[in-house]
Amino acid sequence: MNTTTLLEAAMLICFGAAWPLANLRMIRSRRAEGRGILPTSLVLAGYNAGIAAKILCAWCGGALAPIVWLYLLNAASVGLNLWLQFHFGRHESSRGPGDFARSVLQGVRGPQHSARAAALR
C-alpha cells in the first residue's frame, strides 16, 4: 500500500466513524431533528462517486482497490442515516403541519435559523 492509499483510508475511517454514532443517536432518540436530507444526500453522492471511480480504475485494467470496501461501508452507513431521516421525519410530521419541512430545512439553513424562527413565533 502506498502513502496516498493509506491517507485515503485514514480519511474514510475518520469520516466513517461519525455516521454509525449519528445513526445510533437517531435510533435512540427516535427523532430526525437537526438532520438535513439535502446535505446527507450530497455526502452519499460523494461516496457513490468514489465507488464509481474505483470501479472505473479497475475496469480500465487495474485491480479493484481494497479501499472500495471502506467506501461501500461508509455509503451504507450514510444510506441508513438517510433512511432514518425519512422514517423518523415522517413520524415527526404527524405532530403538526410543517414540522417535517422545518426539520429538513434546519439541516440546510443551520440550527441558528430555527432558533430565530422559534423566537419569532
Protein backbone atom coordinates (compact mmCIF):
# COMPACT_ATOMS: atom_id res chain seq x y z
CA MET A 1 0.00 0.00 0.00
CA ASN A 2 1.33 3.39 -0.90
CA THR A 3 1.08 6.58 1.16
CA THR A 4 -1.82 8.06 -0.79
CA THR A 5 -3.91 4.93 -0.24
CA LEU A 6 -3.11 4.97 3.48
CA LEU A 7 -4.10 8.63 3.73
CA GLU A 8 -7.30 7.95 1.80
CA ALA A 9 -8.08 5.05 4.15
CA ALA A 10 -7.45 7.29 7.18
CA MET A 11 -9.84 9.90 5.78
CA LEU A 12 -12.55 7.30 5.15
CA ILE A 13 -12.13 5.79 8.63
CA CYS A 14 -12.36 9.20 10.30
CA PHE A 15 -15.39 10.29 8.28
CA GLY A 16 -16.94 6.87 8.55
CA ALA A 17 -16.67 6.69 12.34
CA ALA A 18 -19.13 9.55 12.79
CA TRP A 19 -22.00 8.02 10.80
CA PRO A 20 -22.69 4.92 12.94
CA LEU A 21 -22.62 7.12 16.04
CA ALA A 22 -25.11 9.51 14.46
CA ASN A 23 -27.30 6.57 13.44
CA LEU A 24 -27.30 5.17 16.97
CA ARG A 25 -28.16 8.55 18.44
CA MET A 26 -31.03 8.97 15.98
CA ILE A 27 -32.35 5.47 16.71
CA ARG A 28 -32.21 6.08 20.47
CA SER A 29 -33.91 9.47 20.29
CA ARG A 30 -36.34 8.40 17.53
CA ARG A 31 -36.09 11.90 16.10
CA ALA A 32 -34.53 13.33 12.96
CA GLU A 33 -34.09 16.79 14.41
CA GLY A 34 -31.07 18.71 13.24
CA ARG A 35 -30.54 16.45 10.27
CA GLY A 36 -30.76 17.71 6.74
CA ILE A 37 -31.78 15.40 3.92
CA LEU A 38 -30.02 17.51 1.28
CA PRO A 39 -26.58 17.57 2.96
CA THR A 40 -26.79 13.85 3.75
CA SER A 41 -27.76 13.13 0.13
CA LEU A 42 -24.74 15.10 -1.08
CA VAL A 43 -22.41 13.09 1.18
CA LEU A 44 -23.96 9.86 -0.13
CA ALA A 45 -23.47 11.08 -3.71
CA GLY A 46 -19.81 11.77 -2.90
CA TYR A 47 -19.26 8.25 -1.57
CA ASN A 48 -21.01 6.83 -4.64
CA ALA A 49 -18.70 8.89 -6.86
CA GLY A 50 -15.69 7.47 -5.00
CA ILE A 51 -17.00 3.93 -5.50
CA ALA A 52 -17.56 4.62 -9.21
CA ALA A 53 -14.02 6.00 -9.55
CA LYS A 54 -12.51 2.86 -8.01
CA ILE A 55 -14.64 0.61 -10.24
CA LEU A 56 -13.65 2.60 -13.35
CA CYS A 57 -9.98 2.28 -12.43
CA ALA A 58 -10.44 -1.48 -12.16
CA TRP A 59 -12.38 -1.53 -15.45
CA CYS A 60 -9.50 0.20 -17.25
CA GLY A 61 -7.10 -2.59 -16.44
CA GLY A 62 -6.14 -2.08 -12.84
CA ALA A 63 -7.12 -4.22 -9.90
CA LEU A 64 -10.09 -3.26 -7.77
CA ALA A 65 -8.60 -1.34 -4.87
CA PRO A 66 -9.41 -2.88 -1.47
CA ILE A 67 -10.25 0.60 -0.19
CA VAL A 68 -13.51 0.38 -2.15
CA TRP A 69 -14.85 -1.65 0.82
CA LEU A 70 -14.43 1.40 3.08
CA TYR A 71 -16.34 3.49 0.56
CA LEU A 72 -19.10 0.86 0.48
CA LEU A 73 -19.25 0.65 4.28
CA ASN A 74 -19.47 4.42 4.61
CA ALA A 75 -22.06 4.70 1.84
CA ALA A 76 -24.18 2.04 3.55
CA SER A 77 -23.97 3.90 6.86
CA VAL A 78 -24.90 7.21 5.23
CA GLY A 79 -27.71 5.48 3.34
CA LEU A 80 -29.04 4.13 6.65
CA ASN A 81 -28.86 7.63 8.10
CA LEU A 82 -30.84 8.99 5.16
CA TRP A 83 -33.45 6.26 5.55
CA LEU A 84 -33.72 7.02 9.29
CA GLN A 85 -34.26 10.69 8.47
CA PHE A 86 -37.16 9.79 6.19
CA HIS A 87 -38.54 7.26 8.67
CA PHE A 88 -38.41 9.44 11.79
CA GLY A 89 -39.17 12.61 9.83
CA ARG A 90 -42.41 11.04 8.62
CA HIS A 91 -43.40 10.34 12.22
CA GLU A 92 -42.43 13.86 13.25
CA SER A 93 -44.64 15.28 10.51
CA SER A 94 -47.69 13.85 12.27
CA ARG A 95 -47.01 16.25 15.14
CA GLY A 96 -48.08 19.27 13.15
CA PRO A 97 -48.13 20.81 9.69
CA GLY A 98 -44.76 21.96 8.51
CA ASP A 99 -42.68 20.27 11.24
CA PHE A 100 -41.05 17.87 8.79
CA ALA A 101 -40.27 20.69 6.36
CA ARG A 102 -38.76 22.70 9.20
CA SER A 103 -36.62 19.72 10.26
CA VAL A 104 -35.40 19.27 6.66
CA LEU A 105 -34.63 22.96 6.23
CA GLN A 106 -32.89 23.11 9.59
CA GLY A 107 -30.08 20.99 8.19
CA VAL A 108 -29.78 23.32 5.18
CA ARG A 109 -30.12 26.63 6.99
CA GLY A 110 -28.43 25.65 10.25
CA PRO A 111 -29.66 25.45 13.83
CA GLN A 112 -29.38 29.21 14.42
CA HIS A 113 -32.14 29.81 11.86
CA SER A 114 -34.57 27.52 13.63
CA ALA A 115 -33.82 29.24 16.95
CA ARG A 116 -34.63 32.62 15.39
CA ALA A 117 -37.77 31.22 13.79
CA ALA A 118 -38.90 29.79 17.13
CA ALA A 119 -38.33 33.15 18.79
CA LEU A 120 -40.47 34.88 16.18
CA ARG A 121 -43.45 32.57 16.70
